[in-house]
């Protein structure tokens, strides 16, 4: 594993690696954790593995780290098969949810621990650890102990420790899930800044869609050990490949519709269908984003506002249709002010292709 040399700095990037998962399969008893995962992470890319609990994302990360081994398939770094390489010989740094700092060591010594294990000279260890402390914004905390730091500060130290050996791949296993909301927002920006500054290939596991969409170059959505879609955040949100991705990423309402060839009749409109249609189905659910729903005052009482939620620049209305279906609609807050719970409204959809799913 590469270490910092006298001529290097903590902020200097090593050559970014390409990571490949080829046909990874793994079962734990009767549970299939990975079912033929194929995925490539480009050099210097931050790729988020996103999905519900048990979808296989952490298993994939641990296989890259060397903590788990596939029943079949291979893990490659820059085209070299490392599937059988022990964890300590893989050029990867890992940050866990639980920080995993040594409580009896100072912050500086925690960061320098890996360098000490590799017999790097004391002066060089301290210089490197000090540079990394500056990189994560904690340059004045070197003599503190972990219990004297906040959770967010401890996670920054864990990140610095993972970077101390200049790994070619950085692995982040839900590193923000134990932190409160405000600290998470700050730290995710810091992690992204550091990752881009170093240009290090990074795999980030999370179940938080907002986290994934805001941080990653691409997001890989997983379900039951399989890859549903891997795409940049805007594409994933705007053009989800499957109904599962559409409903897992962002808010989505299901509205009854009638499928007619490549179009669907819904809420008085005929819209083109985007993607596959359920075989043999005519009665389907149309998947609708809140920003694609249009609301107008309606004395005919075809639908009714049942709730409003202030979201800052936008307000989300929940509207109940005549058939009791509930639809979410996001309006600019100044427009939403014209509506209140109990108001009768008309609901229409924006003219754009829609996804449909079997009812």
Protein backbone atom coordinates (compact mmCIF):
# COMPACT_ATOMS: atom_id res chain seq x y z
CA UNK A 1 0.00 0.00 0.00
CA UNK A 2 1.35 3.43 -0.96
CA UNK A 3 2.32 5.87 1.79
CA UNK A 4 3.14 9.55 1.72
CA UNK A 5 6.78 10.22 0.95
CA UNK A 6 8.89 13.16 2.01
CA UNK A 7 8.19 15.01 -1.23
CA UNK A 8 4.42 14.48 -1.15
CA UNK A 9 1.67 16.37 0.61
CA UNK A 10 -1.50 15.07 2.17
CA UNK A 11 -3.51 16.88 -0.47
CA UNK A 12 -1.61 15.41 -3.42
CA UNK A 13 -3.66 12.90 -5.34
CA UNK A 14 -2.41 9.47 -6.29
CA UNK A 15 -3.43 8.09 -9.68
CA UNK A 16 -7.16 7.44 -9.52
CA UNK A 17 -8.20 3.82 -9.97
CA UNK A 18 -10.88 2.14 -12.07
CA UNK A 19 -13.00 -0.32 -10.09
CA UNK A 20 -15.05 -3.12 -11.65
CA UNK A 21 -17.53 -5.59 -10.21
CA UNK A 22 -18.06 -8.48 -12.63
CA UNK A 23 -20.94 -10.86 -12.08
CA UNK A 24 -20.70 -10.77 -8.28
CA UNK A 25 -22.88 -13.31 -6.51
CA UNK A 26 -23.13 -13.90 -2.77
CA UNK A 27 -25.57 -15.84 -0.64
CA UNK A 28 -25.85 -15.96 3.13
CA UNK A 29 -27.84 -19.11 3.86
CA UNK A 30 -31.13 -18.71 2.00
CA UNK A 31 -30.63 -14.97 1.47
CA UNK A 32 -29.19 -13.72 -1.82
CA UNK A 33 -27.15 -10.59 -1.07
CA UNK A 34 -25.77 -10.10 -4.59
CA UNK A 35 -27.25 -11.61 -7.71
CA UNK A 36 -24.86 -11.02 -10.61
CA UNK A 37 -23.75 -7.43 -9.93
CA UNK A 38 -21.96 -5.75 -12.85
CA UNK A 39 -20.75 -2.21 -12.20
CA UNK A 40 -17.78 0.00 -13.13
CA UNK A 41 -16.55 3.03 -11.18
CA UNK A 42 -14.53 5.47 -13.28
CA UNK A 43 -11.21 6.96 -12.11
CA UNK A 44 -11.79 9.86 -9.72
CA UNK A 45 -15.55 9.29 -9.65
CA UNK A 46 -17.71 9.39 -6.55
CA UNK A 47 -20.34 6.70 -7.05
CA UNK A 48 -23.11 6.19 -4.51
CA UNK A 49 -24.65 2.78 -3.93
CA UNK A 50 -28.25 3.53 -2.97
CA UNK A 51 -31.02 1.19 -1.95
CA UNK A 52 -33.16 -0.17 0.90
CA UNK A 53 -31.77 -2.30 3.71
CA UNK A 54 -30.75 -5.74 2.50
CA UNK A 55 -30.33 -4.75 -1.16
CA UNK A 56 -26.65 -5.76 -1.23
CA UNK A 57 -24.94 -2.36 -1.31
CA UNK A 58 -22.84 -2.89 1.84
CA UNK A 59 -21.93 -6.43 0.74
CA UNK A 60 -20.58 -4.99 -2.53
CA UNK A 61 -18.54 -2.40 -0.62
CA UNK A 62 -17.12 -5.01 1.74
CA UNK A 63 -16.11 -7.18 -1.23
CA UNK A 64 -14.09 -4.30 -2.61
CA UNK A 65 -12.51 -3.81 0.82
CA UNK A 66 -11.70 -7.51 1.08
CA UNK A 67 -13.89 -8.14 4.14
CA UNK A 68 -16.29 -10.39 2.17
CA UNK A 69 -15.64 -12.75 -0.73
CA UNK A 70 -18.03 -13.59 -3.58
CA UNK A 71 -19.38 -17.05 -4.28
CA UNK A 72 -18.65 -16.24 -7.93
CA UNK A 73 -17.60 -13.24 -9.97
CA UNK A 74 -14.62 -10.93 -9.61
CA UNK A 75 -13.49 -7.57 -8.22
CA UNK A 76 -10.96 -5.71 -10.37
CA UNK A 77 -8.92 -2.56 -9.81
CA UNK A 78 -7.35 -1.11 -12.94
CA UNK A 79 -8.05 -4.39 -14.70
CA UNK A 80 -6.26 -6.50 -12.09
CA UNK A 81 -8.30 -9.20 -10.36
CA UNK A 82 -7.99 -8.59 -6.60
CA UNK A 83 -10.79 -10.98 -5.56
CA UNK A 84 -8.36 -13.18 -3.62
CA UNK A 85 -6.10 -10.42 -2.29
CA UNK A 86 -6.24 -10.01 1.52
CA UNK A 87 -7.85 -6.82 2.84
CA UNK A 88 -4.61 -5.41 4.25
CA UNK A 89 -2.96 -5.62 0.83
CA UNK A 90 -5.65 -3.72 -1.03
CA UNK A 91 -4.98 -0.08 -1.74
CA UNK A 92 -8.22 1.11 -0.14
CA UNK A 93 -9.19 3.29 2.79
CA UNK A 94 -12.48 2.75 4.59
CA UNK A 95 -14.64 5.00 6.76
CA UNK A 96 -17.36 3.37 8.86
CA UNK A 97 -20.58 4.67 10.35
CA UNK A 98 -19.23 4.18 13.88
CA UNK A 99 -15.96 6.22 13.45
CA UNK A 100 -13.88 3.35 15.00
CA UNK A 101 -11.27 5.71 16.47
CA UNK A 102 -8.85 4.53 19.15
CA UNK A 103 -10.06 6.20 22.38
CA UNK A 104 -6.64 6.10 24.07
CA UNK A 105 -4.83 7.84 21.21
CA UNK A 106 -4.80 11.55 20.44
CA UNK A 107 -6.36 12.81 17.23
CA UNK A 108 -2.92 13.18 15.65
CA UNK A 109 -1.91 9.67 16.65
CA UNK A 110 -5.20 8.22 15.38
CA UNK A 111 -4.52 9.67 11.94
CA UNK A 112 -0.90 8.53 11.98
CA UNK A 113 -1.65 5.00 13.24
CA UNK A 114 -1.49 3.30 9.84
CA UNK A 115 1.74 5.07 9.00
CA UNK A 116 3.27 3.91 12.29
CA UNK A 117 2.29 0.31 11.49
CA UNK A 118 4.21 0.67 8.23
CA UNK A 119 7.32 1.98 9.98
CA UNK A 120 7.13 5.50 8.59
CA UNK A 121 9.47 7.82 10.54
CA UNK A 122 7.87 9.74 13.41
CA UNK A 123 8.57 13.19 11.95
CA UNK A 124 7.02 12.17 8.64
CA UNK A 125 3.99 10.66 10.39
CA UNK A 126 3.34 13.86 12.32
CA UNK A 127 3.79 16.04 9.26
CA UNK A 128 1.36 13.96 7.23
CA UNK A 129 -1.19 13.80 10.04
CA UNK A 130 -0.95 17.57 10.48
CA UNK A 131 -1.59 18.17 6.77
CA UNK A 132 -4.61 15.90 6.85
CA UNK A 133 -5.96 17.68 9.93
CA UNK A 134 -5.77 20.92 7.97
CA UNK A 135 -7.45 19.24 5.00
CA UNK A 136 -10.48 18.24 7.11
CA UNK A 137 -10.60 21.60 8.86
CA UNK A 138 -9.42 20.47 12.31
CA UNK A 139 -5.84 21.71 12.34
CA UNK A 140 -6.07 22.88 15.97
CA UNK A 141 -7.42 19.58 17.37
CA UNK A 142 -4.35 17.36 17.07
CA UNK A 143 -3.76 16.99 20.82
CA UNK A 144 -7.41 16.22 21.65
CA UNK A 145 -8.82 12.76 22.29
CA UNK A 146 -11.86 11.34 20.48
CA UNK A 147 -14.20 11.77 23.46
CA UNK A 148 -13.43 15.49 23.43
CA UNK A 149 -14.78 15.90 19.90
CA UNK A 150 -18.29 16.06 18.47
CA UNK A 151 -19.61 13.25 16.29
CA UNK A 152 -19.02 15.28 13.14
CA UNK A 153 -15.45 16.05 14.17
CA UNK A 154 -14.79 12.38 14.96
CA UNK A 155 -16.00 11.39 11.52
CA UNK A 156 -13.66 13.94 9.93
CA UNK A 157 -10.79 12.38 11.86
CA UNK A 158 -11.86 8.92 10.65
CA UNK A 159 -11.80 10.28 7.09
CA UNK A 160 -8.32 11.77 7.60
CA UNK A 161 -7.07 8.45 8.98
CA UNK A 162 -8.42 6.60 5.94
CA UNK A 163 -6.61 9.05 3.65
CA UNK A 164 -3.28 8.93 5.51
CA UNK A 165 -1.95 6.03 3.42
CA UNK A 166 -3.02 7.73 0.19
CA UNK A 167 -5.31 4.91 -0.92
CA UNK A 168 -6.33 4.74 -4.56
CA UNK A 169 -9.90 3.89 -3.56
CA UNK A 170 -11.93 5.43 -0.71
CA UNK A 171 -14.84 3.43 0.73
CA UNK A 172 -17.54 5.15 2.78
CA UNK A 173 -20.07 2.92 4.57
CA UNK A 174 -23.00 5.17 5.58
CA UNK A 175 -20.55 7.55 7.31
CA UNK A 176 -23.17 10.22 8.06
CA UNK A 177 -26.10 8.17 9.34
CA UNK A 178 -25.16 8.51 13.03
CA UNK A 179 -25.04 12.32 12.87
CA UNK A 180 -27.80 14.88 13.34
CA UNK A 181 -29.34 16.55 10.30
CA UNK A 182 -27.41 19.85 10.39
CA UNK A 183 -24.03 18.14 10.85
CA UNK A 184 -24.84 15.70 8.02
CA UNK A 185 -25.46 18.58 5.62
CA UNK A 186 -22.15 20.22 6.49
CA UNK A 187 -20.10 17.05 6.46
CA UNK A 188 -21.42 15.73 3.17
CA UNK A 189 -20.27 18.98 1.53
CA UNK A 190 -16.87 18.59 3.18
CA UNK A 191 -16.49 14.99 2.05
CA UNK A 192 -17.35 15.97 -1.51
CA UNK A 193 -14.89 18.88 -1.42
CA UNK A 194 -12.07 16.66 -0.16
CA UNK A 195 -12.87 13.88 -2.63
CA UNK A 196 -12.78 16.28 -5.54
CA UNK A 197 -9.62 17.97 -4.28
CA UNK A 198 -7.81 14.64 -4.06
CA UNK A 199 -9.39 13.16 -7.18
CA UNK A 200 -9.78 9.82 -5.42
CA UNK A 201 -12.09 7.09 -6.73
CA UNK A 202 -14.81 6.78 -4.10
CA UNK A 203 -17.63 4.33 -3.40
CA UNK A 204 -20.25 5.69 -1.01
CA UNK A 205 -22.96 3.47 0.52
CA UNK A 206 -26.14 5.15 1.72
CA UNK A 207 -29.88 4.57 2.08
CA UNK A 208 -30.52 8.34 2.00
CA UNK A 209 -31.57 9.44 -1.48
CA UNK A 210 -30.93 13.14 -0.81
CA UNK A 211 -27.40 12.33 0.32
CA UNK A 212 -26.73 10.25 -2.79
CA UNK A 213 -28.19 12.77 -5.24
CA UNK A 214 -26.37 15.74 -3.72
CA UNK A 215 -22.90 14.14 -3.45
CA UNK A 216 -22.41 11.62 -6.24
CA UNK A 217 -21.29 11.88 -9.85
CA UNK A 218 -23.45 8.81 -10.48
CA UNK A 219 -25.90 6.87 -8.34
CA UNK A 220 -26.35 3.10 -8.58
CA UNK A 221 -29.78 2.06 -7.31
CA UNK A 222 -29.87 -1.52 -6.06
CA UNK A 223 -32.74 -3.85 -5.26
CA UNK A 224 -32.56 -7.44 -4.00
CA UNK A 225 -28.91 -7.83 -5.00
CA UNK A 226 -29.39 -6.48 -8.50
CA UNK A 227 -28.57 -3.17 -10.15
CA UNK A 228 -31.76 -1.37 -11.22
CA UNK A 229 -30.12 1.72 -12.75
CA UNK A 230 -26.82 3.59 -12.62
CA UNK A 231 -26.89 7.19 -13.85
CA UNK A 232 -26.04 10.79 -12.95
CA UNK A 233 -28.45 12.23 -10.34
CA UNK A 234 -30.41 14.42 -12.77
CA UNK A 235 -30.96 11.51 -15.17
CA UNK A 236 -31.89 9.15 -12.36
CA UNK A 237 -34.51 11.57 -11.07
CA UNK A 238 -35.79 12.83 -14.41
CA UNK A 239 -35.67 9.58 -16.40
CA UNK A 240 -35.88 6.63 -14.01
CA UNK A 241 -35.49 3.32 -15.82
CA UNK A 242 -37.97 1.37 -13.68
CA UNK A 243 -40.95 1.97 -11.43
CA UNK A 244 -38.84 0.94 -8.44
CA UNK A 245 -36.23 3.62 -9.16
CA UNK A 246 -38.93 6.21 -9.76
CA UNK A 247 -40.55 5.57 -6.40
CA UNK A 248 -37.33 5.12 -4.45
CA UNK A 249 -35.68 8.30 -5.71
CA UNK A 250 -37.78 11.32 -4.84
CA UNK A 251 -41.50 11.54 -4.15
CA UNK A 252 -43.89 9.86 -6.55
CA UNK A 253 -47.69 9.53 -6.63
CA UNK A 254 -49.58 6.68 -8.29
CA UNK A 255 -52.61 7.82 -10.31
CA UNK A 256 -54.97 5.37 -12.05
CA UNK A 257 -54.75 5.43 -15.84
CA UNK A 258 -55.82 3.48 -18.92
CA UNK A 259 -53.08 2.18 -21.21
CA UNK A 260 -53.73 2.43 -24.95
CA UNK A 261 -50.72 1.31 -26.98
CA UNK A 262 -47.85 3.71 -26.33
CA UNK A 263 -50.00 6.30 -24.58
CA UNK A 264 -51.97 6.42 -21.35
CA UNK A 265 -55.17 8.26 -20.46
CA UNK A 266 -54.87 9.91 -17.06
CA UNK A 267 -56.71 12.79 -15.40
CA UNK A 268 -58.38 13.79 -18.67
CA UNK A 269 -55.20 13.77 -20.73
CA UNK A 270 -53.47 11.36 -23.07
CA UNK A 271 -49.73 11.22 -22.38
CA UNK A 272 -46.90 9.26 -24.03
CA UNK A 273 -45.46 6.38 -22.01
CA UNK A 274 -41.77 6.51 -21.16
CA UNK A 275 -40.12 3.08 -20.91
CA UNK A 276 -41.69 -0.37 -20.84
CA UNK A 277 -45.39 -1.08 -20.36
CA UNK A 278 -46.80 -3.96 -18.29
CA UNK A 279 -47.51 -6.90 -20.59
CA UNK A 280 -51.23 -7.38 -21.24
CA UNK A 281 -52.28 -4.62 -18.84
CA UNK A 282 -54.80 -1.91 -19.63
CA UNK A 283 -55.59 -0.54 -16.19
CA UNK A 284 -52.29 0.81 -14.86
CA UNK A 285 -50.86 3.25 -12.34
CA UNK A 286 -49.20 6.35 -13.73
CA UNK A 287 -46.16 7.52 -11.72
CA UNK A 288 -46.20 11.27 -11.21
CA UNK A 289 -43.68 13.67 -9.63
CA UNK A 290 -45.12 16.46 -7.43
CA UNK A 291 -43.65 19.17 -9.67
CA UNK A 292 -45.55 17.73 -12.67
CA UNK A 293 -48.95 18.17 -11.02
CA UNK A 294 -51.00 21.28 -11.82
CA UNK A 295 -53.67 22.61 -9.45
CA UNK A 296 -56.51 25.04 -10.20
CA UNK A 297 -59.53 26.23 -8.23
CA UNK A 298 -62.64 24.20 -9.10
CA UNK A 299 -66.22 24.80 -8.05
CA UNK A 300 -67.19 21.36 -9.40
CA UNK A 301 -65.40 19.71 -6.46
CA UNK A 302 -63.69 17.03 -8.57
CA UNK A 303 -60.83 16.90 -6.05
CA UNK A 304 -60.09 18.37 -2.65
CA UNK A 305 -57.00 19.63 -0.84
CA UNK A 306 -56.53 17.57 2.32
CA UNK A 307 -53.17 18.89 3.62
CA UNK A 308 -50.43 21.45 2.97
CA UNK A 309 -46.78 21.31 4.00
CA UNK A 310 -44.46 24.32 3.87
CA UNK A 311 -41.07 23.40 2.33
CA UNK A 312 -39.55 26.86 1.99
CA UNK A 313 -39.64 28.14 -1.60
CA UNK A 314 -42.26 25.48 -2.40
CA UNK A 315 -45.30 24.15 -0.57
CA UNK A 316 -46.52 20.59 -1.01
CA UNK A 317 -50.26 20.05 -1.33
CA UNK A 318 -51.86 16.65 -0.80
CA UNK A 319 -54.97 16.39 -2.94
CA UNK A 320 -57.59 13.65 -2.77
CA UNK A 321 -59.23 12.73 -6.09
CA UNK A 322 -62.83 11.61 -6.48
CA UNK A 323 -61.76 7.92 -6.36
CA UNK A 324 -59.89 8.58 -3.05
CA UNK A 325 -56.44 8.50 -4.73
CA UNK A 326 -54.08 10.99 -3.09
CA UNK A 327 -51.69 13.05 -5.22
CA UNK A 328 -48.79 15.25 -4.09
CA UNK A 329 -48.34 18.62 -5.83
CA UNK A 330 -45.45 21.05 -5.35
CA UNK A 331 -46.30 24.70 -5.95
CA UNK A 332 -44.31 27.89 -5.44
CA UNK A 333 -45.20 28.99 -1.93
CA UNK A 334 -46.72 32.28 -3.10
CA UNK A 335 -49.09 30.33 -5.41
CA UNK A 336 -49.88 27.67 -2.81
CA UNK A 337 -51.06 30.42 -0.44
CA UNK A 338 -54.28 30.55 -2.49
CA UNK A 339 -55.21 27.02 -1.36
CA UNK A 340 -56.12 25.58 2.01
CA UNK A 341 -57.25 22.21 3.33
CA UNK A 342 -60.81 21.57 2.24
CA UNK A 343 -60.65 23.61 -0.99
CA UNK A 344 -62.12 22.07 -4.14
CA UNK A 345 -59.61 21.92 -7.01
CA UNK A 346 -58.97 20.53 -10.47
CA UNK A 347 -55.86 18.36 -10.96
CA UNK A 348 -54.07 18.04 -14.29
CA UNK A 349 -50.62 16.83 -15.32
CA UNK A 350 -47.82 18.51 -17.18
CA UNK A 351 -47.44 17.42 -20.81
CA UNK A 352 -44.50 15.03 -20.67
CA UNK A 353 -43.82 11.27 -21.00
CA UNK A 354 -44.70 9.25 -17.91
CA UNK A 355 -43.79 5.91 -16.39
CA UNK A 356 -46.52 3.36 -15.81
CA UNK A 357 -46.69 0.30 -13.57
CA UNK A 358 -49.06 -2.61 -13.17
CA UNK A 359 -51.86 -1.80 -10.80
